[in-house]
Structures are given as structure tokens and as C-alpha cells.
Amino acid sequence: MASIICGSLAFDTIMNFEGRFAEQILPDQLHILNVSFLVPALRRDFGGCAGNIAYALRQLGGTALPMATLGNDGASYIDRLQNLGISTEFVRTIDGTYTAQAMIITDRDNNQINGFHPGAMEQAHLNHIAARDDIKIGIIAPDGRDAMWQHAEQFAAARIPFVFDPGQQLPRFDRSELRALLEQASWVTVNDYEGKMLSDRTGWSSAEISCRVQGLIITLGADGCEVWLAGAKTHIEPIKADAVVDPTGCGDAFRGAMLFGLERGWSLLRCATLGNHLGSLKIAQRGPQNYTVDLKLLGL
């Protein structure tokens, strides 16, 4: 069986700042902020939420169907997906646009400042979800605003259960829209910052949100994650990484593991444990799609 992964395909330009943002930014001068960070290390990686989640799912042996849009400069990304054995049947090229671009600066404490050009991603609503016998589950990851809204309706109409992962696109939806999206979703996953914003915008606590879906996962970085089921919270301990090198894509690795487990009927607690394992593997490698998974070590 396969998983539809709605989200962005992007090129990530990743820069490492050897200091701390907190030491360079004066809190009482934010109204006239003017800073420059020296970044000795720079590289370009394949990224985007759909690409990263598909990579994680494929590493685990799952079948990923990314649904995304690329610009005229996206041919190398299509080649990469196909070389990884990931289908590109739902990947569309939008003429006259660039592929989405993320510019990411990471400091020595793994805090990040991002700039994002959506490019072709803003046309992702041109892709359409329909029921198909081999499609069991899906995820709506950060994508074009219209695409996220329409794909939620299409998943619901096709009776395909899906994970709602609003991510950095969360501020683009108002209270009524977020409530409507949550009512259509089967599961929700956010990081701790997004979780607070989601509660603030919807007016629903984490416990209340978890009672409206089959489960809510809040990732906590190095502290593991929280799994909320029917209003009750369970903390899942983190998996210690061999090294802390680059956090870019850790959340997407977690979500790929979550899809893998949900497709197989696992409990959300077991899915979260596998997600913590994949996050620990990813953070030890640079870039969002450069880690490998030993299935035997994971007991798979």
C-alpha cells in the first residue's frame, strides 16, 4: 500500500553560523533590527517537506507518492526521486516558476532562521487527490495555502485518512479554517512551538484537539515527544543521537516514520517511538535526505 504525501519539494541552501543568534540580536532593538551572520559553511541540498517525508518513508521500505510542484529548474529533483525508487506520478512542473527555495541559517545551539520562496509550490492546488485502491493514507504537510485547504477536502471526500501537519504555514489560516481542517483530519502533528500557536488560534487545548481526532503528536526536539489520545498525554522518551550535526529535516523524518507505522496499523505510541529513532539518525547527518536506516537495528 502507498501513502500520498502532499507538501513542498524544495532546494535547501543551508548555512552554519558558528555563534549564537541570542548573542547577536538585542531584544530592545528589534524594532530596528539589522544583523548579518558570517556563515563559513554553505551547501545546497534536496529538501522540502514532501521530499523529506518521502525519503524517510522510502528508507523504511514504504511506498511514497509525493504530490508536489516543481519549477523549470526541478529536473534534477525528479531524477533524484526516481533514482531513489520514489514515484513522480503526482509531481507536476509549473512553467515560468522556480522550484521552492529555503534559505536556512543554523547557529551553534541548532536554532534556525529561515527564509522561504514558495515559487511553484503556490500552484500545488492544481494537483488533485482521488480514491485509489493502493492508497491507504496521506499527509498534508506545509504546502501552498490553497492546496492544503483543497487537499484536506479531497482526502475527506475520498475517505482517505490523513495526518495534518500545518508547520510553518499555520499562520496563514484563521480560527475557523484551522478548526475545519482539524475536523477533517485523522491525526495531527506539530512541534511544541506550533502546538502552542495551534491552541492559541483554535481556542482548543492540546487535550481538546486530541479528542477531535484519533491522536495528536507534539514533537519536543531533544526531549522526545508527547502523544495525546482522547485528552490524555503520554511522553515518549527521546533516542540519543550519535552526534548532533544538523536538525534540518528531523521533523520530516519523524513524520515519515509516523506514516509508515500508521499504514501498518500501529499504535500512535509505537509510531512516535519509531519517529524518535529516525529523528536521531537524521540529526547526526548534514542535510535532510542524507541519512541511512538499518532496518534490522530498528527491528523491522
C-alpha atoms as a PDB file:
ATOM      1  CA  MET A   1       0.000   0.000   0.000  1.00  0.00           C
ATOM      2  CA  ALA A   2       1.051   3.598  -0.593  1.00  0.00           C
ATOM      3  CA  SER A   3       0.946   6.964   1.170  1.00  0.00           C
ATOM      4  CA  ILE A   4       0.179  10.269  -0.583  1.00  0.00           C
ATOM      5  CA  ILE A   5       2.486  12.982   0.709  1.00  0.00           C
ATOM      6  CA  CYS A   6       1.211  16.481  -0.023  1.00  0.00           C
ATOM      7  CA  GLY A   7       3.796  19.167   0.547  1.00  0.00           C
ATOM      8  CA  SER A   8       6.713  21.023  -0.947  1.00  0.00           C
ATOM      9  CA  LEU A   9       9.685  19.898  -2.970  1.00  0.00           C
ATOM     10  CA  ALA A  10      12.394  22.473  -2.433  1.00  0.00           C
ATOM     11  CA  PHE A  11      16.078  23.179  -2.729  1.00  0.00           C
ATOM     12  CA  ASP A  12      17.572  23.948   0.676  1.00  0.00           C
ATOM     13  CA  THR A  13      20.524  26.310   0.958  1.00  0.00           C
ATOM     14  CA  ILE A  14      21.876  25.564   4.416  1.00  0.00           C
ATOM     15  CA  MET A  15      24.340  27.858   6.180  1.00  0.00           C
ATOM     16  CA  ASN A  16      26.050  27.339   9.529  1.00  0.00           C
ATOM     17  CA  PHE A  17      26.626  30.275  11.865  1.00  0.00           C
ATOM     18  CA  GLU A  18      29.291  29.399  14.432  1.00  0.00           C
ATOM     19  CA  GLY A  19      27.943  31.766  17.101  1.00  0.00           C
ATOM     20  CA  ARG A  20      24.596  32.135  18.834  1.00  0.00           C
ATOM     21  CA  PHE A  21      21.733  34.230  17.479  1.00  0.00           C
ATOM     22  CA  ALA A  22      20.938  35.335  21.041  1.00  0.00           C
ATOM     23  CA  GLU A  23      24.370  36.961  21.288  1.00  0.00           C
ATOM     24  CA  GLN A  24      23.862  38.950  18.076  1.00  0.00           C
ATOM     25  CA  ILE A  25      20.276  40.149  18.481  1.00  0.00           C
ATOM     26  CA  LEU A  26      19.493  42.897  21.003  1.00  0.00           C
ATOM     27  CA  PRO A  27      15.961  42.309  22.350  1.00  0.00           C
ATOM     28  CA  ASP A  28      15.345  46.015  22.987  1.00  0.00           C
ATOM     29  CA  GLN A  29      16.368  46.917  19.422  1.00  0.00           C
ATOM     30  CA  LEU A  30      14.103  44.541  17.491  1.00  0.00           C
ATOM     31  CA  HIS A  31      12.194  47.464  16.005  1.00  0.00           C
ATOM     32  CA  ILE A  32      15.360  48.481  14.105  1.00  0.00           C
ATOM     33  CA  LEU A  33      16.807  45.009  13.600  1.00  0.00           C
ATOM     34  CA  ASN A  34      19.833  44.999  11.298  1.00  0.00           C
ATOM     35  CA  VAL A  35      22.084  41.958  11.659  1.00  0.00           C
ATOM     36  CA  SER A  36      24.452  39.983   9.478  1.00  0.00           C
ATOM     37  CA  PHE A  37      25.717  36.480  10.275  1.00  0.00           C
ATOM     38  CA  LEU A  38      29.039  35.221   8.945  1.00  0.00           C
ATOM     39  CA  VAL A  39      28.401  31.692   7.605  1.00  0.00           C
ATOM     40  CA  PRO A  40      31.671  29.933   6.721  1.00  0.00           C
ATOM     41  CA  ALA A  41      29.889  26.708   5.675  1.00  0.00           C
ATOM     42  CA  LEU A  42      27.254  26.620   2.928  1.00  0.00           C
ATOM     43  CA  ARG A  43      25.735  23.787   0.942  1.00  0.00           C
ATOM     44  CA  ARG A  44      22.685  23.050  -1.210  1.00  0.00           C
ATOM     45  CA  ASP A  45      20.502  20.022  -0.564  1.00  0.00           C
ATOM     46  CA  PHE A  46      17.336  18.456  -1.872  1.00  0.00           C
ATOM     47  CA  GLY A  47      14.613  19.277   0.641  1.00  0.00           C
ATOM     48  CA  GLY A  48      11.021  20.348   1.093  1.00  0.00           C
ATOM     49  CA  CYS A  49       8.598  18.587   3.396  1.00  0.00           C
ATOM     50  CA  ALA A  50       7.151  16.224   0.790  1.00  0.00           C
ATOM     51  CA  GLY A  51      10.604  15.218  -0.436  1.00  0.00           C
ATOM     52  CA  ASN A  52      11.972  14.716   3.071  1.00  0.00           C
ATOM     53  CA  ILE A  53       8.976  12.706   4.269  1.00  0.00           C
ATOM     54  CA  ALA A  54       9.030  10.577   1.113  1.00  0.00           C
ATOM     55  CA  TYR A  55      12.741   9.930   1.641  1.00  0.00           C
ATOM     56  CA  ALA A  56      12.144   8.767   5.223  1.00  0.00           C
ATOM     57  CA  LEU A  57       9.255   6.530   4.243  1.00  0.00           C
ATOM     58  CA  ARG A  58      11.266   5.006   1.403  1.00  0.00           C
ATOM     59  CA  GLN A  59      14.209   4.363   3.769  1.00  0.00           C
ATOM     60  CA  LEU A  60      11.846   2.325   5.939  1.00  0.00           C
ATOM     61  CA  GLY A  61      10.623   0.301   2.970  1.00  0.00           C
ATOM     62  CA  GLY A  62       7.320   2.116   2.482  1.00  0.00           C
ATOM     63  CA  THR A  63       5.775   3.308  -0.762  1.00  0.00           C
ATOM     64  CA  ALA A  64       5.745   7.088  -1.019  1.00  0.00           C
ATOM     65  CA  LEU A  65       3.692   9.069  -3.514  1.00  0.00           C
ATOM     66  CA  PRO A  66       4.756  12.709  -3.177  1.00  0.00           C
ATOM     67  CA  MET A  67       2.194  15.154  -4.572  1.00  0.00           C
ATOM     68  CA  ALA A  68       4.005  18.408  -5.257  1.00  0.00           C
ATOM     69  CA  THR A  69       5.011  21.015  -7.808  1.00  0.00           C
ATOM     70  CA  LEU A  70       8.409  21.937  -9.221  1.00  0.00           C
ATOM     71  CA  GLY A  71       9.624  24.865 -11.303  1.00  0.00           C
ATOM     72  CA  ASN A  72      11.543  24.828 -14.566  1.00  0.00           C
ATOM     73  CA  ASP A  73      14.717  24.171 -12.569  1.00  0.00           C
ATOM     74  CA  GLY A  74      13.359  20.977 -10.994  1.00  0.00           C
ATOM     75  CA  ALA A  75      14.571  18.290 -13.418  1.00  0.00           C
ATOM     76  CA  SER A  76      17.387  17.226 -11.082  1.00  0.00           C
ATOM     77  CA  TYR A  77      14.877  16.676  -8.279  1.00  0.00           C
ATOM     78  CA  ILE A  78      12.739  14.426 -10.481  1.00  0.00           C
ATOM     79  CA  ASP A  79      15.856  12.426 -11.373  1.00  0.00           C
ATOM     80  CA  ARG A  80      16.742  12.093  -7.698  1.00  0.00           C
ATOM     81  CA  LEU A  81      13.295  10.831  -6.687  1.00  0.00           C
ATOM     82  CA  GLN A  82      13.258   8.300  -9.486  1.00  0.00           C
ATOM     83  CA  ASN A  83      16.771   7.095  -8.610  1.00  0.00           C
ATOM     84  CA  LEU A  84      15.582   6.565  -5.026  1.00  0.00           C
ATOM     85  CA  GLY A  85      12.676   4.457  -6.273  1.00  0.00           C
ATOM     86  CA  ILE A  86      10.096   7.127  -5.361  1.00  0.00           C
ATOM     87  CA  SER A  87       7.225   7.632  -7.797  1.00  0.00           C
ATOM     88  CA  THR A  88       6.899  11.028  -9.505  1.00  0.00           C
ATOM     89  CA  GLU A  89       3.439  10.408 -10.993  1.00  0.00           C
ATOM     90  CA  PHE A  90       1.952  13.178  -8.804  1.00  0.00           C
ATOM     91  CA  VAL A  91       4.829  15.646  -9.291  1.00  0.00           C
ATOM     92  CA  ARG A  92       3.929  18.477 -11.662  1.00  0.00           C
ATOM     93  CA  THR A  93       6.249  21.030 -13.313  1.00  0.00           C
ATOM     94  CA  ILE A  94       4.913  24.601 -13.423  1.00  0.00           C
ATOM     95  CA  ASP A  95       6.308  26.590 -16.342  1.00  0.00           C
ATOM     96  CA  GLY A  96       7.669  30.047 -15.664  1.00  0.00           C
ATOM     97  CA  THR A  97       8.430  29.440 -11.997  1.00  0.00           C
ATOM     98  CA  TYR A  98      11.321  28.422  -9.792  1.00  0.00           C
ATOM     99  CA  THR A  99      11.220  25.397  -7.532  1.00  0.00           C
ATOM    100  CA  ALA A 100      10.597  26.401  -3.922  1.00  0.00           C
ATOM    101  CA  GLN A 101      13.781  27.591  -2.218  1.00  0.00           C
ATOM    102  CA  ALA A 102      14.584  27.536   1.500  1.00  0.00           C
ATOM    103  CA  MET A 103      17.481  29.572   2.921  1.00  0.00           C
ATOM    104  CA  ILE A 104      18.334  28.247   6.369  1.00  0.00           C
ATOM    105  CA  ILE A 105      20.871  29.603   8.881  1.00  0.00           C
ATOM    106  CA  THR A 106      21.604  27.348  11.859  1.00  0.00           C
ATOM    107  CA  ASP A 107      23.504  28.590  14.933  1.00  0.00           C
ATOM    108  CA  ARG A 108      25.657  26.569  17.313  1.00  0.00           C
ATOM    109  CA  ASP A 109      22.632  25.751  19.505  1.00  0.00           C
ATOM    110  CA  ASN A 110      20.703  24.407  16.498  1.00  0.00           C
ATOM    111  CA  ASN A 111      18.356  27.394  16.453  1.00  0.00           C
ATOM    112  CA  GLN A 112      17.338  28.278  12.917  1.00  0.00           C
ATOM    113  CA  ILE A 113      16.354  31.361  10.939  1.00  0.00           C
ATOM    114  CA  ASN A 114      14.685  30.550   7.633  1.00  0.00           C
ATOM    115  CA  GLY A 115      13.765  32.438   4.500  1.00  0.00           C
ATOM    116  CA  PHE A 116      11.450  30.691   2.040  1.00  0.00           C
ATOM    117  CA  HIS A 117      10.487  31.448  -1.563  1.00  0.00           C
ATOM    118  CA  PRO A 118       7.445  29.284  -2.447  1.00  0.00           C
ATOM    119  CA  GLY A 119       7.740  29.518  -6.222  1.00  0.00           C
ATOM    120  CA  ALA A 120       5.943  26.622  -7.900  1.00  0.00           C
ATOM    121  CA  MET A 121       4.611  25.441  -4.543  1.00  0.00           C
ATOM    122  CA  GLU A 122       1.896  28.107  -4.676  1.00  0.00           C
ATOM    123  CA  GLN A 123       0.381  26.202  -7.621  1.00  0.00           C
ATOM    124  CA  ALA A 124       0.183  22.887  -5.752  1.00  0.00           C
ATOM    125  CA  HIS A 125      -3.617  23.134  -5.692  1.00  0.00           C
ATOM    126  CA  LEU A 126      -3.560  22.111  -9.371  1.00  0.00           C
ATOM    127  CA  ASN A 127      -2.869  18.561  -8.143  1.00  0.00           C
ATOM    128  CA  HIS A 128      -5.963  16.582  -7.186  1.00  0.00           C
ATOM    129  CA  ILE A 129      -6.456  13.660  -4.777  1.00  0.00           C
ATOM    130  CA  ALA A 130      -8.813  10.843  -5.704  1.00  0.00           C
ATOM    131  CA  ALA A 131      -9.549   7.462  -4.168  1.00  0.00           C
ATOM    132  CA  ARG A 132      -7.408   4.595  -5.431  1.00  0.00           C
ATOM    133  CA  ASP A 133      -7.202   1.001  -4.232  1.00  0.00           C
ATOM    134  CA  ASP A 134      -3.487   1.137  -3.451  1.00  0.00           C
ATOM    135  CA  ILE A 135      -3.623   4.414  -1.468  1.00  0.00           C
ATOM    136  CA  LYS A 136      -4.243   3.803   2.226  1.00  0.00           C
ATOM    137  CA  ILE A 137      -3.199   7.005   3.986  1.00  0.00           C
ATOM    138  CA  GLY A 138      -1.946  10.513   3.375  1.00  0.00           C
ATOM    139  CA  ILE A 139      -0.414  13.581   4.953  1.00  0.00           C
ATOM    140  CA  ILE A 140      -0.892  17.291   4.381  1.00  0.00           C
ATOM    141  CA  ALA A 141       2.475  18.878   5.133  1.00  0.00           C
ATOM    142  CA  PRO A 142       3.310  22.583   4.614  1.00  0.00           C
ATOM    143  CA  ASP A 143       2.373  23.492   1.038  1.00  0.00           C
ATOM    144  CA  GLY A 144       0.571  26.207  -0.873  1.00  0.00           C
ATOM    145  CA  ARG A 145      -2.293  27.561   1.202  1.00  0.00           C
ATOM    146  CA  ASP A 146      -4.989  26.720  -1.347  1.00  0.00           C
ATOM    147  CA  ALA A 147      -3.503  23.265  -1.845  1.00  0.00           C
ATOM    148  CA  MET A 148      -3.628  22.459   1.869  1.00  0.00           C
ATOM    149  CA  TRP A 149      -7.264  23.541   2.071  1.00  0.00           C
ATOM    150  CA  GLN A 150      -8.395  21.735  -1.084  1.00  0.00           C
ATOM    151  CA  HIS A 151      -6.412  18.568  -0.422  1.00  0.00           C
ATOM    152  CA  ALA A 152      -7.997  18.238   3.012  1.00  0.00           C
ATOM    153  CA  GLU A 153     -11.436  18.353   1.384  1.00  0.00           C
ATOM    154  CA  GLN A 154     -10.306  15.856  -1.267  1.00  0.00           C
ATOM    155  CA  PHE A 155      -8.872  13.420   1.289  1.00  0.00           C
ATOM    156  CA  ALA A 156     -12.134  13.577   3.207  1.00  0.00           C
ATOM    157  CA  ALA A 157     -14.234  13.080   0.055  1.00  0.00           C
ATOM    158  CA  ALA A 158     -12.085  10.100  -0.979  1.00  0.00           C
ATOM    159  CA  ARG A 159     -12.307   8.699   2.578  1.00  0.00           C
ATOM    160  CA  ILE A 160      -8.536   8.527   2.846  1.00  0.00           C
ATOM    161  CA  PRO A 161      -7.411   9.130   6.454  1.00  0.00           C
ATOM    162  CA  PHE A 162      -4.691  11.759   6.691  1.00  0.00           C
ATOM    163  CA  VAL A 163      -2.234  13.433   9.025  1.00  0.00           C
ATOM    164  CA  PHE A 164      -2.495  17.218   9.261  1.00  0.00           C
ATOM    165  CA  ASP A 165       0.943  18.823   9.653  1.00  0.00           C
ATOM    166  CA  PRO A 166       0.457  22.592   9.236  1.00  0.00           C
ATOM    167  CA  GLY A 167       4.047  23.521  10.131  1.00  0.00           C
ATOM    168  CA  GLN A 168       5.204  26.970   9.089  1.00  0.00           C
ATOM    169  CA  GLN A 169       2.017  27.520   7.091  1.00  0.00           C
ATOM    170  CA  LEU A 170      -0.107  27.518  10.243  1.00  0.00           C
ATOM    171  CA  PRO A 171      -0.266  31.361  10.488  1.00  0.00           C
ATOM    172  CA  ARG A 172      -1.913  31.522   7.057  1.00  0.00           C
ATOM    173  CA  PHE A 173      -5.153  30.018   8.408  1.00  0.00           C
ATOM    174  CA  ASP A 174      -7.612  31.721  10.734  1.00  0.00           C
ATOM    175  CA  ARG A 175      -9.518  30.144  13.619  1.00  0.00           C
ATOM    176  CA  SER A 176     -12.489  28.858  11.637  1.00  0.00           C
ATOM    177  CA  GLU A 177     -10.268  27.457   8.878  1.00  0.00           C
ATOM    178  CA  LEU A 178      -7.981  25.638  11.302  1.00  0.00           C
ATOM    179  CA  ARG A 179     -10.960  24.187  13.129  1.00  0.00           C
ATOM    180  CA  ALA A 180     -12.389  22.948   9.833  1.00  0.00           C
ATOM    181  CA  LEU A 181      -9.070  21.369   8.840  1.00  0.00           C
ATOM    182  CA  LEU A 182      -8.765  19.625  12.208  1.00  0.00           C
ATOM    183  CA  GLU A 183     -12.309  18.270  11.911  1.00  0.00           C
ATOM    184  CA  GLN A 184     -11.379  16.603   8.615  1.00  0.00           C
ATOM    185  CA  ALA A 185      -8.023  15.184   9.764  1.00  0.00           C
ATOM    186  CA  SER A 186      -7.489  11.793  11.378  1.00  0.00           C
ATOM    187  CA  TRP A 187      -4.244  12.725  13.137  1.00  0.00           C
ATOM    188  CA  VAL A 188      -2.357  15.961  13.817  1.00  0.00           C
ATOM    189  CA  THR A 189       1.363  16.519  14.329  1.00  0.00           C
ATOM    190  CA  VAL A 190       3.152  19.742  15.265  1.00  0.00           C
ATOM    191  CA  ASN A 191       6.287  20.782  17.105  1.00  0.00           C
ATOM    192  CA  ASP A 192       5.992  22.400  20.523  1.00  0.00           C
ATOM    193  CA  TYR A 193       6.030  25.982  19.183  1.00  0.00           C
ATOM    194  CA  GLU A 194       3.426  25.162  16.542  1.00  0.00           C
ATOM    195  CA  GLY A 195       1.376  23.313  19.146  1.00  0.00           C
ATOM    196  CA  LYS A 196       1.106  26.453  21.262  1.00  0.00           C
ATOM    197  CA  MET A 197       0.168  28.508  18.207  1.00  0.00           C
ATOM    198  CA  LEU A 198      -2.410  25.935  17.111  1.00  0.00           C
ATOM    199  CA  SER A 199      -4.070  26.030  20.529  1.00  0.00           C
ATOM    200  CA  ASP A 200      -3.995  29.827  20.578  1.00  0.00           C
ATOM    201  CA  ARG A 201      -5.513  30.139  17.112  1.00  0.00           C
ATOM    202  CA  THR A 202      -8.214  27.490  17.503  1.00  0.00           C
ATOM    203  CA  GLY A 203      -9.039  28.203  21.136  1.00  0.00           C
ATOM    204  CA  TRP A 204      -8.688  24.465  21.800  1.00  0.00           C
ATOM    205  CA  SER A 205      -6.130  22.971  24.181  1.00  0.00           C
ATOM    206  CA  SER A 206      -3.964  20.029  23.155  1.00  0.00           C
ATOM    207  CA  ALA A 207      -6.294  17.776  25.134  1.00  0.00           C
ATOM    208  CA  GLU A 208      -9.331  19.170  23.325  1.00  0.00           C
ATOM    209  CA  ILE A 209      -7.698  18.827  19.912  1.00  0.00           C
ATOM    210  CA  SER A 210      -6.824  15.198  20.655  1.00  0.00           C
ATOM    211  CA  CYS A 211     -10.478  14.493  21.412  1.00  0.00           C
ATOM    212  CA  ARG A 212     -11.478  15.708  17.944  1.00  0.00           C
ATOM    213  CA  VAL A 213      -9.037  13.476  16.061  1.00  0.00           C
ATOM    214  CA  GLN A 214      -7.630   9.973  16.512  1.00  0.00           C
ATOM    215  CA  GLY A 215      -4.452  11.391  18.023  1.00  0.00           C
ATOM    216  CA  LEU A 216      -2.147  14.398  18.350  1.00  0.00           C
ATOM    217  CA  ILE A 217       1.658  14.251  18.437  1.00  0.00           C
ATOM    218  CA  ILE A 218       3.727  17.202  19.628  1.00  0.00           C
ATOM    219  CA  THR A 219       7.446  16.812  18.959  1.00  0.00           C
ATOM    220  CA  LEU A 220       9.814  18.310  21.530  1.00  0.00           C
ATOM    221  CA  GLY A 221      13.195  18.109  19.798  1.00  0.00           C
ATOM    222  CA  ALA A 222      15.834  16.659  22.115  1.00  0.00           C
ATOM    223  CA  ASP A 223      13.141  15.954  24.736  1.00  0.00           C
ATOM    224  CA  GLY A 224      11.268  13.398  22.627  1.00  0.00           C
ATOM    225  CA  CYS A 225       7.560  13.927  22.005  1.00  0.00           C
ATOM    226  CA  GLU A 226       4.095  13.960  23.533  1.00  0.00           C
ATOM    227  CA  VAL A 227       1.333  11.685  22.298  1.00  0.00           C
ATOM    228  CA  TRP A 228      -2.170  12.885  23.099  1.00  0.00           C
ATOM    229  CA  LEU A 229      -5.020  10.373  22.869  1.00  0.00           C
ATOM    230  CA  ALA A 230      -8.579  11.234  23.901  1.00  0.00           C
ATOM    231  CA  GLY A 231      -7.364  14.030  26.148  1.00  0.00           C
ATOM    232  CA  ALA A 232      -4.591  12.048  27.877  1.00  0.00           C
ATOM    233  CA  LYS A 233      -0.890  12.784  27.375  1.00  0.00           C
ATOM    234  CA  THR A 234       1.946  10.231  27.196  1.00  0.00           C
ATOM    235  CA  HIS A 235       5.580  11.349  26.989  1.00  0.00           C
ATOM    236  CA  ILE A 236       7.800   9.297  24.648  1.00  0.00           C
ATOM    237  CA  GLU A 237      11.448   9.478  25.621  1.00  0.00           C
ATOM    238  CA  PRO A 238      13.984  10.652  23.015  1.00  0.00           C
ATOM    239  CA  ILE A 239      16.534   8.397  21.358  1.00  0.00           C
ATOM    240  CA  LYS A 240      20.056   9.668  21.966  1.00  0.00           C
ATOM    241  CA  ALA A 241      21.777  10.596  18.715  1.00  0.00           C
ATOM    242  CA  ASP A 242      25.350   9.550  17.953  1.00  0.00           C
ATOM    243  CA  ALA A 243      26.050  13.198  17.140  1.00  0.00           C
ATOM    244  CA  VAL A 244      24.131  16.447  16.861  1.00  0.00           C
ATOM    245  CA  VAL A 245      25.111  17.827  13.471  1.00  0.00           C
ATOM    246  CA  ASP A 246      22.113  19.347  11.664  1.00  0.00           C
ATOM    247  CA  PRO A 247      18.443  19.498  12.745  1.00  0.00           C
ATOM    248  CA  THR A 248      17.147  20.321   9.260  1.00  0.00           C
ATOM    249  CA  GLY A 249      14.548  17.718   8.285  1.00  0.00           C
ATOM    250  CA  CYS A 250      14.312  15.962  11.661  1.00  0.00           C
ATOM    251  CA  GLY A 251      10.593  16.677  11.900  1.00  0.00           C
ATOM    252  CA  ASP A 252      10.040  15.313   8.408  1.00  0.00           C
ATOM    253  CA  ALA A 253      11.964  12.139   9.241  1.00  0.00           C
ATOM    254  CA  PHE A 254       9.646  11.738  12.239  1.00  0.00           C
ATOM    255  CA  ARG A 255       6.597  12.163  10.020  1.00  0.00           C
ATOM    256  CA  GLY A 256       7.828   9.591   7.517  1.00  0.00           C
ATOM    257  CA  ALA A 257       8.110   7.101  10.374  1.00  0.00           C
ATOM    258  CA  MET A 258       4.646   8.079  11.585  1.00  0.00           C
ATOM    259  CA  LEU A 259       3.157   7.351   8.144  1.00  0.00           C
ATOM    260  CA  PHE A 260       4.991   4.023   7.974  1.00  0.00           C
ATOM    261  CA  GLY A 261       3.524   2.893  11.280  1.00  0.00           C
ATOM    262  CA  LEU A 262       0.006   4.217  10.737  1.00  0.00           C
ATOM    263  CA  GLU A 263      -0.225   2.477   7.374  1.00  0.00           C
ATOM    264  CA  ARG A 264       0.553  -0.785   9.159  1.00  0.00           C
ATOM    265  CA  GLY A 265      -1.991  -0.252  11.885  1.00  0.00           C
ATOM    266  CA  TRP A 266       0.481   0.504  14.688  1.00  0.00           C
ATOM    267  CA  SER A 267      -0.498   2.373  17.803  1.00  0.00           C
ATOM    268  CA  LEU A 268       0.389   6.048  17.810  1.00  0.00           C
ATOM    269  CA  LEU A 269       2.794   5.401  20.694  1.00  0.00           C
ATOM    270  CA  ARG A 270       4.746   2.890  18.607  1.00  0.00           C
ATOM    271  CA  CYS A 271       4.735   5.277  15.638  1.00  0.00           C
ATOM    272  CA  ALA A 272       6.166   8.029  17.842  1.00  0.00           C
ATOM    273  CA  THR A 273       8.921   5.768  19.135  1.00  0.00           C
ATOM    274  CA  LEU A 274       9.994   4.956  15.578  1.00  0.00           C
ATOM    275  CA  GLY A 275       9.786   8.664  14.761  1.00  0.00           C
ATOM    276  CA  ASN A 276      12.212   9.445  17.581  1.00  0.00           C
ATOM    277  CA  HIS A 277      14.597   6.793  16.209  1.00  0.00           C
ATOM    278  CA  LEU A 278      14.563   8.329  12.725  1.00  0.00           C
ATOM    279  CA  GLY A 279      14.982  11.826  14.119  1.00  0.00           C
ATOM    280  CA  SER A 280      18.103  10.703  15.983  1.00  0.00           C
ATOM    281  CA  LEU A 281      19.535   9.196  12.775  1.00  0.00           C
ATOM    282  CA  LYS A 282      18.803  12.314  10.750  1.00  0.00           C
ATOM    283  CA  ILE A 283      20.244  14.846  13.186  1.00  0.00           C
ATOM    284  CA  ALA A 284      23.605  13.033  13.063  1.00  0.00           C
ATOM    285  CA  GLN A 285      23.920  13.776   9.317  1.00  0.00           C
ATOM    286  CA  ARG A 286      24.038  17.017   7.365  1.00  0.00           C
ATOM    287  CA  GLY A 287      21.112  17.754   5.096  1.00  0.00           C
ATOM    288  CA  PRO A 288      17.550  16.443   5.256  1.00  0.00           C
ATOM    289  CA  GLN A 289      17.998  13.449   2.936  1.00  0.00           C
ATOM    290  CA  ASN A 290      21.482  12.055   3.563  1.00  0.00           C
ATOM    291  CA  TYR A 291      20.964   9.559   6.410  1.00  0.00           C
ATOM    292  CA  THR A 292      20.511   5.819   6.064  1.00  0.00           C
ATOM    293  CA  VAL A 293      18.368   3.379   8.033  1.00  0.00           C
ATOM    294  CA  ASP A 294      19.398  -0.104   9.183  1.00  0.00           C
ATOM    295  CA  LEU A 295      16.036  -1.892   9.322  1.00  0.00           C
ATOM    296  CA  LYS A 296      17.447  -4.728  11.405  1.00  0.00           C
ATOM    297  CA  LEU A 297      18.614  -2.360  14.126  1.00  0.00           C
ATOM    298  CA  LEU A 298      15.102  -0.907  14.231  1.00  0.00           C
ATOM    299  CA  GLY A 299      13.576  -4.364  14.442  1.00  0.00           C
ATOM    300  CA  LEU A 300      11.815  -4.050  11.071  1.00  0.00           C
END
